[in-house]
C-alpha cells in the first residue's frame, strides 16, 4: 500500500513561540461495515493512533476511532524551545504503521 504523509512546520521559529504543526496522511480507510461484490464484508482498515515526538520526547498523541475521516488532518500547537527532528507516526489495523519526519528550526 502506498502511503503519502505531509508534515507542515514553519521554516524558522523564534524560541518560545507557539506554532501549529499540521499533519495529513493519505490512507485508504475502510469502516468494516461495507459489503464487497460477493456479499461479504470488506475488512476494517482504519488509523487507530497518532504520535509525534521531538527528538524522541513525546509532544502530542491521539487515539483515533472508527468515525475518523479518511485522510485525516491532525493539527496541534507546539511551543518551540529548541531545534530538532519531529517524528510523526500513524498506526492502524492489520499492523499498519507509517513514520514521517520533519526538521524544526528554532533561531
N, C-alpha and C. Protein backbone atom coordinates (compact mmCIF):
# COMPACT_ATOMS: atom_id res chain seq x y z
N UNK A 1 0.84 -1.17 0.00
CA UNK A 1 0.00 0.00 0.00
C UNK A 1 0.89 1.24 0.00
N UNK A 2 0.64 2.15 -0.91
CA UNK A 2 1.38 3.40 -0.98
C UNK A 2 0.72 4.41 -0.06
N UNK A 3 1.52 4.99 0.81
CA UNK A 3 1.02 5.98 1.76
C UNK A 3 1.77 7.28 1.54
N UNK A 4 1.03 8.37 1.57
CA UNK A 4 1.64 9.68 1.43
C UNK A 4 1.30 10.50 2.67
N UNK A 5 2.30 11.00 3.35
CA UNK A 5 2.08 11.81 4.55
C UNK A 5 2.81 13.14 4.41
N UNK A 6 2.20 14.17 4.96
CA UNK A 6 2.79 15.51 4.93
C UNK A 6 2.83 16.07 6.35
N UNK A 7 3.90 16.75 6.68
CA UNK A 7 4.01 17.46 7.95
C UNK A 7 4.35 18.91 7.61
N UNK A 8 3.54 19.84 8.08
CA UNK A 8 3.77 21.25 7.80
C UNK A 8 4.31 21.92 9.05
N UNK A 9 5.52 22.48 8.92
CA UNK A 9 6.21 23.16 10.01
C UNK A 9 6.71 24.50 9.47
N UNK A 10 6.59 25.60 10.23
CA UNK A 10 7.15 26.86 9.75
C UNK A 10 8.65 26.72 9.48
N UNK A 11 9.20 27.45 8.51
CA UNK A 11 10.61 27.30 8.16
C UNK A 11 11.56 27.65 9.31
N UNK A 12 11.27 28.73 10.04
CA UNK A 12 12.08 29.14 11.18
C UNK A 12 11.13 29.64 12.27
N UNK A 13 11.46 29.28 13.52
CA UNK A 13 10.61 29.63 14.65
C UNK A 13 11.47 30.35 15.70
N UNK A 14 10.91 31.34 16.36
CA UNK A 14 11.61 32.02 17.45
C UNK A 14 11.53 31.17 18.71
N UNK A 15 12.53 31.20 19.57
CA UNK A 15 12.48 30.44 20.82
C UNK A 15 11.27 30.84 21.67
N UNK A 16 10.52 29.86 22.14
CA UNK A 16 9.35 30.10 22.96
C UNK A 16 8.07 30.37 22.19
N UNK A 17 8.16 30.50 20.89
CA UNK A 17 6.98 30.77 20.06
C UNK A 17 6.08 29.54 20.00
N UNK A 18 4.76 29.77 20.07
CA UNK A 18 3.79 28.68 19.90
C UNK A 18 3.43 28.61 18.42
N UNK A 19 3.65 27.45 17.84
CA UNK A 19 3.38 27.26 16.42
C UNK A 19 2.34 26.15 16.25
N UNK A 20 1.79 26.06 15.05
CA UNK A 20 0.87 24.98 14.75
C UNK A 20 1.56 23.97 13.84
N UNK A 21 1.56 22.73 14.27
CA UNK A 21 2.07 21.63 13.45
C UNK A 21 0.86 21.00 12.78
N UNK A 22 0.92 20.81 11.47
CA UNK A 22 -0.19 20.20 10.74
C UNK A 22 0.31 18.94 10.05
N UNK A 23 -0.45 17.86 10.21
CA UNK A 23 -0.09 16.61 9.55
C UNK A 23 -1.28 16.11 8.75
N UNK A 24 -0.98 15.48 7.66
CA UNK A 24 -2.01 14.92 6.78
C UNK A 24 -1.48 13.60 6.25
N UNK A 25 -2.31 12.58 6.27
CA UNK A 25 -1.91 11.30 5.71
C UNK A 25 -3.00 10.81 4.76
N UNK A 26 -2.58 10.33 3.61
CA UNK A 26 -3.50 9.72 2.64
C UNK A 26 -3.53 8.23 2.96
N UNK A 27 -4.63 7.78 3.50
CA UNK A 27 -4.76 6.39 3.95
C UNK A 27 -6.13 5.88 3.50
N UNK A 28 -6.18 4.73 2.82
CA UNK A 28 -7.47 4.19 2.36
C UNK A 28 -8.26 3.59 3.53
N UNK A 29 -9.11 4.40 4.14
CA UNK A 29 -9.87 3.96 5.30
C UNK A 29 -11.04 3.06 4.86
N UNK A 30 -11.34 2.10 5.70
CA UNK A 30 -12.47 1.20 5.46
C UNK A 30 -13.11 0.92 6.81
N UNK A 31 -14.42 1.15 6.92
CA UNK A 31 -15.11 1.05 8.21
C UNK A 31 -15.33 -0.38 8.67
N UNK A 32 -15.37 -1.34 7.75
CA UNK A 32 -15.69 -2.71 8.11
C UNK A 32 -17.18 -2.99 8.07
N UNK A 33 -17.97 -2.03 7.60
CA UNK A 33 -19.42 -2.19 7.52
C UNK A 33 -19.91 -2.31 6.08
N UNK A 34 -19.04 -2.12 5.12
CA UNK A 34 -19.44 -2.13 3.72
C UNK A 34 -19.34 -3.53 3.14
N UNK A 35 -20.28 -3.88 2.29
CA UNK A 35 -20.27 -5.20 1.65
C UNK A 35 -19.42 -5.17 0.39
N UNK A 36 -18.75 -6.28 0.11
CA UNK A 36 -18.00 -6.38 -1.14
C UNK A 36 -18.91 -6.96 -2.22
N UNK A 37 -18.38 -7.20 -3.39
CA UNK A 37 -19.17 -7.68 -4.53
C UNK A 37 -19.74 -9.08 -4.35
N UNK A 38 -19.18 -9.89 -3.48
CA UNK A 38 -19.65 -11.26 -3.25
C UNK A 38 -20.57 -11.37 -2.04
N UNK A 39 -20.97 -10.25 -1.44
CA UNK A 39 -21.86 -10.28 -0.29
C UNK A 39 -21.14 -10.38 1.05
N UNK A 40 -19.84 -10.46 1.03
CA UNK A 40 -19.07 -10.48 2.28
C UNK A 40 -18.82 -9.05 2.76
N UNK A 41 -18.15 -8.94 3.87
CA UNK A 41 -17.84 -7.62 4.43
C UNK A 41 -16.39 -7.28 4.11
N UNK A 42 -16.18 -6.04 3.66
CA UNK A 42 -14.82 -5.55 3.43
C UNK A 42 -14.18 -5.35 4.80
N UNK A 43 -13.02 -5.94 5.05
CA UNK A 43 -12.39 -5.85 6.38
C UNK A 43 -12.12 -4.39 6.78
N UNK A 44 -12.25 -4.12 8.08
CA UNK A 44 -11.99 -2.80 8.61
C UNK A 44 -10.51 -2.47 8.48
N UNK A 45 -10.23 -1.24 8.08
CA UNK A 45 -8.86 -0.74 7.99
C UNK A 45 -8.88 0.75 8.30
N UNK A 46 -8.62 1.05 9.56
CA UNK A 46 -8.62 2.44 9.99
C UNK A 46 -7.32 2.77 10.71
N UNK A 47 -7.04 4.05 10.82
CA UNK A 47 -5.93 4.50 11.65
C UNK A 47 -6.42 4.52 13.09
N UNK A 48 -5.59 4.06 14.01
CA UNK A 48 -6.01 3.95 15.41
C UNK A 48 -5.23 4.87 16.35
N UNK A 49 -4.02 5.24 15.98
CA UNK A 49 -3.20 6.05 16.89
C UNK A 49 -2.25 6.94 16.09
N UNK A 50 -2.05 8.14 16.63
CA UNK A 50 -1.09 9.10 16.06
C UNK A 50 -0.21 9.58 17.21
N UNK A 51 1.09 9.60 17.00
CA UNK A 51 2.03 10.15 17.99
C UNK A 51 3.04 11.03 17.29
N UNK A 52 3.47 12.07 17.98
CA UNK A 52 4.51 12.96 17.47
C UNK A 52 5.53 13.16 18.57
N UNK A 53 6.80 13.01 18.21
CA UNK A 53 7.91 13.19 19.14
C UNK A 53 8.87 14.22 18.58
N UNK A 54 9.48 14.96 19.48
CA UNK A 54 10.54 15.90 19.11
C UNK A 54 11.81 15.38 19.73
N UNK A 55 12.74 14.95 18.90
CA UNK A 55 13.99 14.33 19.36
C UNK A 55 13.73 13.24 20.39
N UNK A 56 12.75 12.40 20.13
CA UNK A 56 12.45 11.26 20.99
C UNK A 56 11.51 11.53 22.15
N UNK A 57 11.23 12.80 22.43
CA UNK A 57 10.33 13.15 23.53
C UNK A 57 8.92 13.38 23.00
N UNK A 58 7.90 12.72 23.59
CA UNK A 58 6.53 12.90 23.09
C UNK A 58 6.05 14.34 23.28
N UNK A 59 5.44 14.89 22.21
CA UNK A 59 4.87 16.24 22.28
C UNK A 59 3.37 16.24 22.02
N UNK A 60 2.85 15.16 21.39
CA UNK A 60 1.42 15.07 21.11
C UNK A 60 1.08 13.64 20.75
N UNK A 61 -0.10 13.19 21.20
CA UNK A 61 -0.60 11.88 20.76
C UNK A 61 -2.12 11.92 20.73
N UNK A 62 -2.71 11.05 19.93
CA UNK A 62 -4.16 10.98 19.81
C UNK A 62 -4.58 9.55 19.52
N UNK A 63 -5.65 9.12 20.18
CA UNK A 63 -6.29 7.85 19.86
C UNK A 63 -7.37 8.15 18.82
N UNK A 64 -7.36 7.43 17.73
CA UNK A 64 -8.34 7.65 16.66
C UNK A 64 -9.37 6.52 16.70
N UNK A 65 -10.59 6.84 16.34
CA UNK A 65 -11.70 5.88 16.44
C UNK A 65 -12.37 5.70 15.08
N UNK A 66 -13.27 4.72 14.93
CA UNK A 66 -13.86 4.43 13.63
C UNK A 66 -14.51 5.62 12.92
N UNK A 67 -14.91 6.65 13.62
CA UNK A 67 -15.54 7.80 12.98
C UNK A 67 -14.54 8.78 12.36
N UNK A 68 -13.25 8.50 12.48
CA UNK A 68 -12.25 9.41 11.91
C UNK A 68 -12.39 9.44 10.39
N UNK A 69 -12.19 10.62 9.82
CA UNK A 69 -12.32 10.79 8.37
C UNK A 69 -11.18 10.11 7.64
N UNK A 70 -11.44 9.77 6.40
CA UNK A 70 -10.37 9.28 5.53
C UNK A 70 -9.38 10.42 5.34
N UNK A 71 -8.12 10.11 5.20
CA UNK A 71 -7.06 11.10 5.00
C UNK A 71 -7.11 12.19 6.09
N UNK A 72 -7.00 11.79 7.35
CA UNK A 72 -7.20 12.77 8.43
C UNK A 72 -6.10 13.82 8.52
N UNK A 73 -6.56 15.04 8.76
CA UNK A 73 -5.69 16.17 9.05
C UNK A 73 -5.65 16.31 10.56
N UNK A 74 -4.47 16.29 11.14
CA UNK A 74 -4.30 16.47 12.57
C UNK A 74 -3.41 17.69 12.77
N UNK A 75 -3.91 18.67 13.53
CA UNK A 75 -3.17 19.89 13.80
C UNK A 75 -3.11 20.09 15.31
N UNK A 76 -1.96 20.54 15.79
CA UNK A 76 -1.80 20.76 17.23
C UNK A 76 -0.76 21.85 17.48
N UNK A 77 -0.89 22.56 18.63
CA UNK A 77 0.08 23.61 18.95
C UNK A 77 1.33 23.01 19.58
N UNK A 78 2.43 23.69 19.38
CA UNK A 78 3.70 23.27 19.97
C UNK A 78 4.50 24.51 20.33
N UNK A 79 4.99 24.58 21.57
CA UNK A 79 5.88 25.67 21.97
C UNK A 79 7.30 25.26 21.61
N UNK A 80 7.89 25.97 20.68
CA UNK A 80 9.21 25.62 20.17
C UNK A 80 10.29 26.23 21.05
N UNK A 81 11.10 25.38 21.66
CA UNK A 81 12.20 25.86 22.51
C UNK A 81 13.56 25.62 21.85
N UNK A 82 13.70 24.45 21.21
CA UNK A 82 14.97 24.08 20.60
C UNK A 82 14.73 23.45 19.23
N UNK A 83 15.75 23.53 18.40
CA UNK A 83 15.68 22.87 17.10
C UNK A 83 15.73 21.36 17.30
N UNK A 84 15.19 20.63 16.35
CA UNK A 84 15.22 19.18 16.43
C UNK A 84 14.45 18.54 15.29
N UNK A 85 14.25 17.25 15.43
CA UNK A 85 13.53 16.48 14.42
C UNK A 85 12.19 16.03 14.97
N UNK A 86 11.12 16.40 14.27
CA UNK A 86 9.79 15.91 14.60
C UNK A 86 9.61 14.57 13.93
N UNK A 87 9.14 13.60 14.69
CA UNK A 87 8.86 12.28 14.14
C UNK A 87 7.38 11.97 14.39
N UNK A 88 6.61 11.90 13.30
CA UNK A 88 5.18 11.62 13.40
C UNK A 88 4.95 10.18 12.96
N UNK A 89 4.13 9.47 13.75
CA UNK A 89 3.87 8.06 13.47
C UNK A 89 2.37 7.80 13.53
N UNK A 90 1.88 7.17 12.47
CA UNK A 90 0.49 6.75 12.39
C UNK A 90 0.46 5.24 12.49
N UNK A 91 -0.46 4.69 13.29
CA UNK A 91 -0.62 3.24 13.43
C UNK A 91 -2.08 2.89 13.17
N UNK A 92 -2.29 1.70 12.59
CA UNK A 92 -3.65 1.30 12.26
C UNK A 92 -3.85 -0.19 12.33
N UNK A 93 -4.98 -0.61 11.83
CA UNK A 93 -5.35 -2.03 11.82
C UNK A 93 -4.37 -2.84 10.97
N UNK A 94 -4.36 -4.12 11.21
CA UNK A 94 -3.53 -5.09 10.46
C UNK A 94 -2.04 -4.77 10.51
N UNK A 95 -1.58 -4.17 11.61
CA UNK A 95 -0.16 -3.90 11.77
C UNK A 95 0.36 -2.72 10.98
N UNK A 96 -0.53 -1.91 10.41
CA UNK A 96 -0.12 -0.75 9.62
C UNK A 96 0.63 0.25 10.51
N UNK A 97 1.73 0.77 10.00
CA UNK A 97 2.41 1.90 10.64
C UNK A 97 3.18 2.67 9.58
N UNK A 98 3.24 3.96 9.77
CA UNK A 98 3.98 4.82 8.85
C UNK A 98 4.60 5.94 9.68
N UNK A 99 5.87 6.21 9.44
CA UNK A 99 6.58 7.27 10.17
C UNK A 99 7.14 8.27 9.17
N UNK A 100 6.98 9.54 9.50
CA UNK A 100 7.48 10.62 8.66
C UNK A 100 8.19 11.62 9.57
N UNK A 101 9.27 12.22 9.11
CA UNK A 101 9.99 13.20 9.91
C UNK A 101 10.02 14.55 9.24
N UNK A 102 10.24 15.59 10.05
CA UNK A 102 10.38 16.96 9.55
C UNK A 102 11.32 17.70 10.50
N UNK A 103 12.07 18.61 9.96
CA UNK A 103 13.00 19.40 10.77
C UNK A 103 12.28 20.59 11.38
N UNK A 104 12.58 20.85 12.65
CA UNK A 104 12.08 22.04 13.34
C UNK A 104 13.31 22.92 13.63
N UNK A 105 13.32 24.11 13.08
CA UNK A 105 14.47 25.00 13.23
C UNK A 105 14.09 26.21 14.09
N UNK A 106 14.72 26.29 15.25
CA UNK A 106 14.48 27.40 16.17
C UNK A 106 15.71 28.30 16.13
N UNK A 107 15.47 29.59 15.84
CA UNK A 107 16.59 30.53 15.75
C UNK A 107 16.17 31.90 16.24
